[in-house]
Each structure stands twice: as C-alpha cells, then as structure tokens.
Amino acid sequence: MLILDGFGLQAFDSQARVTLLDIIEDRHGKKSTLITSQIPVKEWYDIIGEKTIADTVLDRIVHQSLRVELHGESLRRKKSNQECLYL
C-alpha cells in the first residue's frame, strides 16, 4: 500500500508530474494507493498542471476509487479547543 498524505498542498512541477504519472501507471490495477487531501478532487487538475498528464492520472485514480469525503470541523482543531478548556 502506498499512502500519499496531504496530496496537492502545492502545485506539481514538470518532473513531479511525470513521477506521479509513472507511479500511478505502475500501480494501476495491481496495488493499493491511499490518497488524502484537503483539496477537492475537482481542483486536482490545476494542481497537477499539464492537462494531458492530469487527465491520465485522474482517470486512473478517480474513476476506479472508493471516495470518502469528510465534512465538518477539523478533529485536530476540535481537540485543541477542548484541551484549551481544561488549561
């Protein structure tokens, strides 16, 4: 299992795009990949950049995935607020 945590926190440069494509193509249909991101999937095209590479990567990631979208306040923030009450 490959875990990509915090996906898309900054835009990909040309080398990062090619590397991402190589990794996703190598794993597609063979190995599990877990991706976490605070960025909505619809914005991943802009983050990956190059439209052809973004289409190829996202076609393999998005259309064959099980998506879990969480809504609401950050659990870290919630826990931090609770700890402040006890200080």
PDB file of N, CA and C in Angstrom:
ATOM      1  N   MET A   1       0.846  -1.170   0.000  1.00  0.00           N
ATOM      2  CA  MET A   1       0.000   0.000   0.000  1.00  0.00           C
ATOM      3  C   MET A   1       0.890   1.230   0.000  1.00  0.00           C
ATOM      4  N   LEU A   2       0.591   2.135  -0.910  1.00  0.00           N
ATOM      5  CA  LEU A   2       1.253   3.428  -0.961  1.00  0.00           C
ATOM      6  C   LEU A   2       0.275   4.459  -0.419  1.00  0.00           C
ATOM      7  N   ILE A   3       0.736   5.305   0.502  1.00  0.00           N
ATOM      8  CA  ILE A   3      -0.101   6.361   1.068  1.00  0.00           C
ATOM      9  C   ILE A   3       0.478   7.713   0.662  1.00  0.00           C
ATOM     10  N   LEU A   4      -0.319   8.483  -0.050  1.00  0.00           N
ATOM     11  CA  LEU A   4       0.053   9.848  -0.412  1.00  0.00           C
ATOM     12  C   LEU A   4      -0.766  10.766   0.487  1.00  0.00           C
ATOM     13  N   ASP A   5      -0.139  11.282   1.519  1.00  0.00           N
ATOM     14  CA  ASP A   5      -0.827  12.095   2.516  1.00  0.00           C
ATOM     15  C   ASP A   5      -0.625  13.570   2.206  1.00  0.00           C
ATOM     16  N   GLY A   6      -1.681  14.339   2.271  1.00  0.00           N
ATOM     17  CA  GLY A   6      -1.587  15.775   2.004  1.00  0.00           C
ATOM     18  C   GLY A   6      -1.399  16.070   0.526  1.00  0.00           C
ATOM     19  N   PHE A   7      -2.013  15.262  -0.326  1.00  0.00           N
ATOM     20  CA  PHE A   7      -1.867  15.417  -1.770  1.00  0.00           C
ATOM     21  C   PHE A   7      -2.305  16.804  -2.213  1.00  0.00           C
ATOM     22  N   GLY A   8      -1.511  17.442  -3.051  1.00  0.00           N
ATOM     23  CA  GLY A   8      -1.891  18.699  -3.666  1.00  0.00           C
ATOM     24  C   GLY A   8      -1.675  19.937  -2.840  1.00  0.00           C
ATOM     25  N   LEU A   9      -0.860  19.858  -1.809  1.00  0.00           N
ATOM     26  CA  LEU A   9      -0.627  21.063  -0.994  1.00  0.00           C
ATOM     27  C   LEU A   9       0.143  22.129  -1.763  1.00  0.00           C
ATOM     28  N   GLN A  10       0.853  21.702  -2.802  1.00  0.00           N
ATOM     29  CA  GLN A  10       1.488  22.667  -3.691  1.00  0.00           C
ATOM     30  C   GLN A  10       1.422  22.120  -5.108  1.00  0.00           C
ATOM     31  N   ALA A  11       1.496  22.999  -6.078  1.00  0.00           N
ATOM     32  CA  ALA A  11       1.398  22.596  -7.477  1.00  0.00           C
ATOM     33  C   ALA A  11       2.595  21.725  -7.877  1.00  0.00           C
ATOM     34  N   PHE A  12       2.358  20.825  -8.821  1.00  0.00           N
ATOM     35  CA  PHE A  12       3.404  19.941  -9.321  1.00  0.00           C
ATOM     36  C   PHE A  12       4.230  20.663 -10.383  1.00  0.00           C
ATOM     37  N   ASP A  13       5.544  20.465 -10.340  1.00  0.00           N
ATOM     38  CA  ASP A  13       6.367  20.938 -11.451  1.00  0.00           C
ATOM     39  C   ASP A  13       6.431  19.821 -12.494  1.00  0.00           C
ATOM     40  N   SER A  14       7.108  20.041 -13.603  1.00  0.00           N
ATOM     41  CA  SER A  14       7.096  19.062 -14.693  1.00  0.00           C
ATOM     42  C   SER A  14       7.664  17.711 -14.269  1.00  0.00           C
ATOM     43  N   GLN A  15       8.723  17.688 -13.492  1.00  0.00           N
ATOM     44  CA  GLN A  15       9.307  16.423 -13.040  1.00  0.00           C
ATOM     45  C   GLN A  15       8.372  15.691 -12.083  1.00  0.00           C
ATOM     46  N   ALA A  16       7.740  16.418 -11.180  1.00  0.00           N
ATOM     47  CA  ALA A  16       6.806  15.802 -10.230  1.00  0.00           C
ATOM     48  C   ALA A  16       5.612  15.196 -10.956  1.00  0.00           C
ATOM     49  N   ARG A  17       5.120  15.875 -12.009  1.00  0.00           N
ATOM     50  CA  ARG A  17       4.003  15.348 -12.803  1.00  0.00           C
ATOM     51  C   ARG A  17       4.363  14.013 -13.435  1.00  0.00           C
ATOM     52  N   VAL A  18       5.526  13.962 -14.057  1.00  0.00           N
ATOM     53  CA  VAL A  18       5.968  12.735 -14.721  1.00  0.00           C
ATOM     54  C   VAL A  18       6.162  11.622 -13.696  1.00  0.00           C
ATOM     55  N   THR A  19       6.737  11.944 -12.550  1.00  0.00           N
ATOM     56  CA  THR A  19       6.943  10.947 -11.498  1.00  0.00           C
ATOM     57  C   THR A  19       5.602  10.419 -10.992  1.00  0.00           C
ATOM     58  N   LEU A  20       4.656  11.313 -10.749  1.00  0.00           N
ATOM     59  CA  LEU A  20       3.320  10.901 -10.303  1.00  0.00           C
ATOM     60  C   LEU A  20       2.685   9.981 -11.337  1.00  0.00           C
ATOM     61  N   LEU A  21       2.760  10.350 -12.609  1.00  0.00           N
ATOM     62  CA  LEU A  21       2.199   9.521 -13.675  1.00  0.00           C
ATOM     63  C   LEU A  21       2.838   8.137 -13.681  1.00  0.00           C
ATOM     64  N   ASP A  22       4.160   8.076 -13.579  1.00  0.00           N
ATOM     65  CA  ASP A  22       4.866   6.781 -13.549  1.00  0.00           C
ATOM     66  C   ASP A  22       4.403   5.919 -12.376  1.00  0.00           C
ATOM     67  N   ILE A  23       4.289   6.524 -11.217  1.00  0.00           N
ATOM     68  CA  ILE A  23       3.875   5.780 -10.015  1.00  0.00           C
ATOM     69  C   ILE A  23       2.455   5.252 -10.169  1.00  0.00           C
ATOM     70  N   ILE A  24       1.542   6.119 -10.598  1.00  0.00           N
ATOM     71  CA  ILE A  24       0.136   5.718 -10.727  1.00  0.00           C
ATOM     72  C   ILE A  24      -0.023   4.657 -11.812  1.00  0.00           C
ATOM     73  N   GLU A  25       0.645   4.821 -12.945  1.00  0.00           N
ATOM     74  CA  GLU A  25       0.542   3.824 -14.012  1.00  0.00           C
ATOM     75  C   GLU A  25       1.117   2.479 -13.579  1.00  0.00           C
ATOM     76  N   ASP A  26       2.210   2.514 -12.833  1.00  0.00           N
ATOM     77  CA  ASP A  26       2.839   1.274 -12.361  1.00  0.00           C
ATOM     78  C   ASP A  26       1.928   0.516 -11.391  1.00  0.00           C
ATOM     79  N   ARG A  27       1.168   1.229 -10.587  1.00  0.00           N
ATOM     80  CA  ARG A  27       0.332   0.623  -9.549  1.00  0.00           C
ATOM     81  C   ARG A  27      -1.092   0.312 -10.024  1.00  0.00           C
ATOM     82  N   HIS A  28      -1.536   0.967 -11.075  1.00  0.00           N
ATOM     83  CA  HIS A  28      -2.932   0.882 -11.530  1.00  0.00           C
ATOM     84  C   HIS A  28      -3.375  -0.563 -11.754  1.00  0.00           C
ATOM     85  N   GLY A  29      -4.414  -0.939 -11.023  1.00  0.00           N
ATOM     86  CA  GLY A  29      -4.993  -2.264 -11.159  1.00  0.00           C
ATOM     87  C   GLY A  29      -4.203  -3.380 -10.502  1.00  0.00           C
ATOM     88  N   LYS A  30      -3.081  -3.031  -9.851  1.00  0.00           N
ATOM     89  CA  LYS A  30      -2.224  -4.057  -9.250  1.00  0.00           C
ATOM     90  C   LYS A  30      -2.018  -3.870  -7.753  1.00  0.00           C
ATOM     91  N   LYS A  31      -1.931  -2.620  -7.326  1.00  0.00           N
ATOM     92  CA  LYS A  31      -1.585  -2.337  -5.934  1.00  0.00           C
ATOM     93  C   LYS A  31      -2.476  -1.229  -5.395  1.00  0.00           C
ATOM     94  N   SER A  32      -2.643  -1.217  -4.089  1.00  0.00           N
ATOM     95  CA  SER A  32      -3.495  -0.217  -3.435  1.00  0.00           C
ATOM     96  C   SER A  32      -2.747   1.092  -3.227  1.00  0.00           C
ATOM     97  N   THR A  33      -3.475   2.178  -3.419  1.00  0.00           N
ATOM     98  CA  THR A  33      -2.939   3.515  -3.181  1.00  0.00           C
ATOM     99  C   THR A  33      -3.993   4.301  -2.413  1.00  0.00           C
ATOM    100  N   LEU A  34      -3.601   4.890  -1.310  1.00  0.00           N
ATOM    101  CA  LEU A  34      -4.492   5.709  -0.499  1.00  0.00           C
ATOM    102  C   LEU A  34      -4.025   7.154  -0.629  1.00  0.00           C
ATOM    103  N   ILE A  35      -4.945   8.040  -0.975  1.00  0.00           N
ATOM    104  CA  ILE A  35      -4.599   9.453  -1.146  1.00  0.00           C
ATOM    105  C   ILE A  35      -5.466  10.272  -0.208  1.00  0.00           C
ATOM    106  N   THR A  36      -4.830  11.108   0.594  1.00  0.00           N
ATOM    107  CA  THR A  36      -5.562  12.049   1.437  1.00  0.00           C
ATOM    108  C   THR A  36      -5.265  13.460   0.947  1.00  0.00           C
ATOM    109  N   SER A  37      -6.272  14.309   1.013  1.00  0.00           N
ATOM    110  CA  SER A  37      -6.093  15.676   0.551  1.00  0.00           C
ATOM    111  C   SER A  37      -7.142  16.575   1.174  1.00  0.00           C
ATOM    112  N   GLN A  38      -6.756  17.795   1.421  1.00  0.00           N
ATOM    113  CA  GLN A  38      -7.714  18.808   1.864  1.00  0.00           C
ATOM    114  C   GLN A  38      -8.260  19.572   0.673  1.00  0.00           C
ATOM    115  N   ILE A  39      -7.726  19.274  -0.499  1.00  0.00           N
ATOM    116  CA  ILE A  39      -8.114  19.951  -1.731  1.00  0.00           C
ATOM    117  C   ILE A  39      -9.203  19.127  -2.426  1.00  0.00           C
ATOM    118  N   PRO A  40     -10.312  19.744  -2.831  1.00  0.00           N
ATOM    119  CA  PRO A  40     -11.348  18.997  -3.556  1.00  0.00           C
ATOM    120  C   PRO A  40     -10.794  18.391  -4.850  1.00  0.00           C
ATOM    121  N   VAL A  41     -11.270  17.212  -5.199  1.00  0.00           N
ATOM    122  CA  VAL A  41     -10.773  16.498  -6.379  1.00  0.00           C
ATOM    123  C   VAL A  41     -10.899  17.361  -7.636  1.00  0.00           C
ATOM    124  N   LYS A  42     -11.955  18.144  -7.748  1.00  0.00           N
ATOM    125  CA  LYS A  42     -12.146  18.972  -8.946  1.00  0.00           C
ATOM    126  C   LYS A  42     -10.998  19.977  -9.142  1.00  0.00           C
ATOM    127  N   GLU A  43     -10.245  20.278  -8.093  1.00  0.00           N
ATOM    128  CA  GLU A  43      -9.117  21.207  -8.194  1.00  0.00           C
ATOM    129  C   GLU A  43      -7.790  20.502  -8.463  1.00  0.00           C
ATOM    130  N   TRP A  44      -7.792  19.189  -8.473  1.00  0.00           N
ATOM    131  CA  TRP A  44      -6.554  18.437  -8.698  1.00  0.00           C
ATOM    132  C   TRP A  44      -5.981  18.668 -10.101  1.00  0.00           C
ATOM    133  N   TYR A  45      -6.844  18.923 -11.092  1.00  0.00           N
ATOM    134  CA  TYR A  45      -6.345  19.197 -12.443  1.00  0.00           C
ATOM    135  C   TYR A  45      -5.392  20.382 -12.421  1.00  0.00           C
ATOM    136  N   ASP A  46      -5.799  21.450 -11.748  1.00  0.00           N
ATOM    137  CA  ASP A  46      -4.960  22.652 -11.682  1.00  0.00           C
ATOM    138  C   ASP A  46      -3.671  22.384 -10.908  1.00  0.00           C
ATOM    139  N   ILE A  47      -3.739  21.578  -9.877  1.00  0.00           N
ATOM    140  CA  ILE A  47      -2.558  21.287  -9.063  1.00  0.00           C
ATOM    141  C   ILE A  47      -1.557  20.428  -9.832  1.00  0.00           C
ATOM    142  N   ILE A  48      -2.075  19.438 -10.556  1.00  0.00           N
ATOM    143  CA  ILE A  48      -1.181  18.581 -11.338  1.00  0.00           C
ATOM    144  C   ILE A  48      -0.607  19.376 -12.508  1.00  0.00           C
ATOM    145  N   GLY A  49      -1.415  20.230 -13.096  1.00  0.00           N
ATOM    146  CA  GLY A  49      -0.918  21.064 -14.189  1.00  0.00           C
ATOM    147  C   GLY A  49      -1.235  20.458 -15.539  1.00  0.00           C
ATOM    148  N   GLU A  50      -0.257  20.302 -16.374  1.00  0.00           N
ATOM    149  CA  GLU A  50      -0.365  19.719 -17.722  1.00  0.00           C
ATOM    150  C   GLU A  50      -1.622  18.870 -17.910  1.00  0.00           C
ATOM    151  N   LYS A  51      -2.539  19.343 -18.748  1.00  0.00           N
ATOM    152  CA  LYS A  51      -3.861  18.728 -18.894  1.00  0.00           C
ATOM    153  C   LYS A  51      -3.818  17.256 -19.288  1.00  0.00           C
ATOM    154  N   THR A  52      -2.948  16.896 -20.227  1.00  0.00           N
ATOM    155  CA  THR A  52      -2.898  15.508 -20.679  1.00  0.00           C
ATOM    156  C   THR A  52      -2.451  14.576 -19.563  1.00  0.00           C
ATOM    157  N   ILE A  53      -1.441  14.983 -18.825  1.00  0.00           N
ATOM    158  CA  ILE A  53      -0.961  14.166 -17.704  1.00  0.00           C
ATOM    159  C   ILE A  53      -2.018  14.127 -16.602  1.00  0.00           C
ATOM    160  N   ALA A  54      -2.632  15.253 -16.306  1.00  0.00           N
ATOM    161  CA  ALA A  54      -3.679  15.294 -15.277  1.00  0.00           C
ATOM    162  C   ALA A  54      -4.839  14.374 -15.658  1.00  0.00           C
ATOM    163  N   ASP A  55      -5.264  14.406 -16.916  1.00  0.00           N
ATOM    164  CA  ASP A  55      -6.335  13.516 -17.374  1.00  0.00           C
ATOM    165  C   ASP A  55      -5.958  12.055 -17.183  1.00  0.00           C
ATOM    166  N   THR A  56      -4.748  11.708 -17.550  1.00  0.00           N
ATOM    167  CA  THR A  56      -4.288  10.321 -17.452  1.00  0.00           C
ATOM    168  C   THR A  56      -4.233   9.865 -15.999  1.00  0.00           C
ATOM    169  N   VAL A  57      -3.639  10.672 -15.145  1.00  0.00           N
ATOM    170  CA  VAL A  57      -3.515  10.323 -13.727  1.00  0.00           C
ATOM    171  C   VAL A  57      -4.887  10.229 -13.075  1.00  0.00           C
ATOM    172  N   LEU A  58      -5.712  11.247 -13.266  1.00  0.00           N
ATOM    173  CA  LEU A  58      -7.008  11.277 -12.603  1.00  0.00           C
ATOM    174  C   LEU A  58      -7.964  10.215 -13.142  1.00  0.00           C
ATOM    175  N   ASP A  59      -7.824   9.864 -14.413  1.00  0.00           N
ATOM    176  CA  ASP A  59      -8.631   8.777 -14.951  1.00  0.00           C
ATOM    177  C   ASP A  59      -8.348   7.482 -14.191  1.00  0.00           C
ATOM    178  N   ARG A  60      -7.102   7.254 -13.851  1.00  0.00           N
ATOM    179  CA  ARG A  60      -6.727   6.034 -13.137  1.00  0.00           C
ATOM    180  C   ARG A  60      -7.043   6.117 -11.646  1.00  0.00           C
ATOM    181  N   ILE A  61      -6.997   7.312 -11.085  1.00  0.00           N
ATOM    182  CA  ILE A  61      -7.245   7.470  -9.653  1.00  0.00           C
ATOM    183  C   ILE A  61      -8.740   7.576  -9.357  1.00  0.00           C
ATOM    184  N   VAL A  62      -9.406   8.531  -9.957  1.00  0.00           N
ATOM    185  CA  VAL A  62     -10.762   8.910  -9.573  1.00  0.00           C
ATOM    186  C   VAL A  62     -11.812   7.891  -9.999  1.00  0.00           C
ATOM    187  N   HIS A  63     -11.716   7.396 -11.205  1.00  0.00           N
ATOM    188  CA  HIS A  63     -12.790   6.555 -11.731  1.00  0.00           C
ATOM    189  C   HIS A  63     -12.760   5.125 -11.216  1.00  0.00           C
ATOM    190  N   GLN A  64     -11.721   4.758 -10.531  1.00  0.00           N
ATOM    191  CA  GLN A  64     -11.614   3.396 -10.012  1.00  0.00           C
ATOM    192  C   GLN A  64     -11.432   3.412  -8.500  1.00  0.00           C
ATOM    193  N   SER A  65     -11.893   4.473  -7.871  1.00  0.00           N
ATOM    194  CA  SER A  65     -11.605   4.625  -6.448  1.00  0.00           C
ATOM    195  C   SER A  65     -12.856   4.511  -5.585  1.00  0.00           C
ATOM    196  N   LEU A  66     -12.593   4.313  -4.347  1.00  0.00           N
ATOM    197  CA  LEU A  66     -13.618   4.410  -3.308  1.00  0.00           C
ATOM    198  C   LEU A  66     -13.328   5.727  -2.607  1.00  0.00           C
ATOM    199  N   ARG A  67     -14.245   6.681  -2.718  1.00  0.00           N
ATOM    200  CA  ARG A  67     -14.010   8.006  -2.145  1.00  0.00           C
ATOM    201  C   ARG A  67     -14.772   8.159  -0.845  1.00  0.00           C
ATOM    202  N   VAL A  68     -14.077   8.718   0.131  1.00  0.00           N
ATOM    203  CA  VAL A  68     -14.690   9.056   1.413  1.00  0.00           C
ATOM    204  C   VAL A  68     -14.444  10.536   1.624  1.00  0.00           C
ATOM    205  N   GLU A  69     -15.502  11.318   1.614  1.00  0.00           N
ATOM    206  CA  GLU A  69     -15.379  12.755   1.824  1.00  0.00           C
ATOM    207  C   GLU A  69     -15.874  13.084   3.221  1.00  0.00           C
ATOM    208  N   LEU A  70     -15.043  13.764   3.969  1.00  0.00           N
ATOM    209  CA  LEU A  70     -15.393  14.157   5.330  1.00  0.00           C
ATOM    210  C   LEU A  70     -15.806  15.620   5.328  1.00  0.00           C
ATOM    211  N   HIS A  71     -16.787  15.930   6.119  1.00  0.00           N
ATOM    212  CA  HIS A  71     -17.273  17.310   6.222  1.00  0.00           C
ATOM    213  C   HIS A  71     -17.292  17.703   7.698  1.00  0.00           C
ATOM    214  N   GLY A  72     -17.155  18.965   7.944  1.00  0.00           N
ATOM    215  CA  GLY A  72     -17.208  19.452   9.316  1.00  0.00           C
ATOM    216  C   GLY A  72     -15.864  19.979   9.767  1.00  0.00           C
ATOM    217  N   GLU A  73     -15.831  20.333  11.012  1.00  0.00           N
ATOM    218  CA  GLU A  73     -14.632  20.923  11.612  1.00  0.00           C
ATOM    219  C   GLU A  73     -13.513  19.901  11.716  1.00  0.00           C
ATOM    220  N   SER A  74     -12.298  20.375  11.604  1.00  0.00           N
ATOM    221  CA  SER A  74     -11.116  19.538  11.758  1.00  0.00           C
ATOM    222  C   SER A  74     -11.103  18.902  13.147  1.00  0.00           C
ATOM    223  N   LEU A  75     -10.839  17.608  13.204  1.00  0.00           N
ATOM    224  CA  LEU A  75     -10.759  16.939  14.507  1.00  0.00           C
ATOM    225  C   LEU A  75      -9.589  17.466  15.327  1.00  0.00           C
ATOM    226  N   ARG A  76      -8.505  17.846  14.660  1.00  0.00           N
ATOM    227  CA  ARG A  76      -7.366  18.431  15.396  1.00  0.00           C
ATOM    228  C   ARG A  76      -7.771  19.745  16.056  1.00  0.00           C
ATOM    229  N   ARG A  77      -8.489  20.559  15.304  1.00  0.00           N
ATOM    230  CA  ARG A  77      -8.939  21.848  15.842  1.00  0.00           C
ATOM    231  C   ARG A  77      -9.919  21.615  16.983  1.00  0.00           C
ATOM    232  N   LYS A  78     -10.813  20.671  16.798  1.00  0.00           N
ATOM    233  CA  LYS A  78     -11.803  20.369  17.820  1.00  0.00           C
ATOM    234  C   LYS A  78     -11.118  19.906  19.104  1.00  0.00           C
ATOM    235  N   LYS A  79     -10.122  19.011  18.965  1.00  0.00           N
ATOM    236  CA  LYS A  79      -9.399  18.505  20.127  1.00  0.00           C
ATOM    237  C   LYS A  79      -8.620  19.634  20.800  1.00  0.00           C
ATOM    238  N   SER A  80      -8.000  20.487  19.986  1.00  0.00           N
ATOM    239  CA  SER A  80      -7.233  21.607  20.516  1.00  0.00           C
ATOM    240  C   SER A  80      -8.137  22.543  21.326  1.00  0.00           C
ATOM    241  N   ASN A  81      -9.321  22.808  20.823  1.00  0.00           N
ATOM    242  CA  ASN A  81     -10.277  23.673  21.537  1.00  0.00           C
ATOM    243  C   ASN A  81     -10.701  23.050  22.848  1.00  0.00           C
ATOM    244  N   GLN A  82     -10.882  21.744  22.873  1.00  0.00           N
ATOM    245  CA  GLN A  82     -11.278  21.056  24.097  1.00  0.00           C
ATOM    246  C   GLN A  82     -10.143  21.102  25.134  1.00  0.00           C
ATOM    247  N   GLU A  83      -8.909  20.952  24.665  1.00  0.00           N
ATOM    248  CA  GLU A  83      -7.767  20.996  25.588  1.00  0.00           C
ATOM    249  C   GLU A  83      -7.623  22.376  26.207  1.00  0.00           C
ATOM    250  N   CYS A  84      -7.928  23.416  25.431  1.00  0.00           N
ATOM    251  CA  CYS A  84      -7.834  24.782  25.953  1.00  0.00           C
ATOM    252  C   CYS A  84      -8.820  25.000  27.086  1.00  0.00           C
ATOM    253  N   LEU A  85      -9.957  24.332  27.035  1.00  0.00           N
ATOM    254  CA  LEU A  85     -10.949  24.472  28.092  1.00  0.00           C
ATOM    255  C   LEU A  85     -10.455  23.925  29.434  1.00  0.00           C
ATOM    256  N   TYR A  86      -9.525  22.963  29.374  1.00  0.00           N
ATOM    257  CA  TYR A  86      -9.056  22.314  30.593  1.00  0.00           C
ATOM    258  C   TYR A  86      -7.790  22.952  31.183  1.00  0.00           C
ATOM    259  N   LEU A  87      -7.223  23.923  30.497  1.00  0.00           N
ATOM    260  CA  LEU A  87      -5.980  24.529  30.993  1.00  0.00           C
ATOM    261  C   LEU A  87      -6.220  25.508  32.092  1.00  0.00           C
TER     262      LEU A  87
END
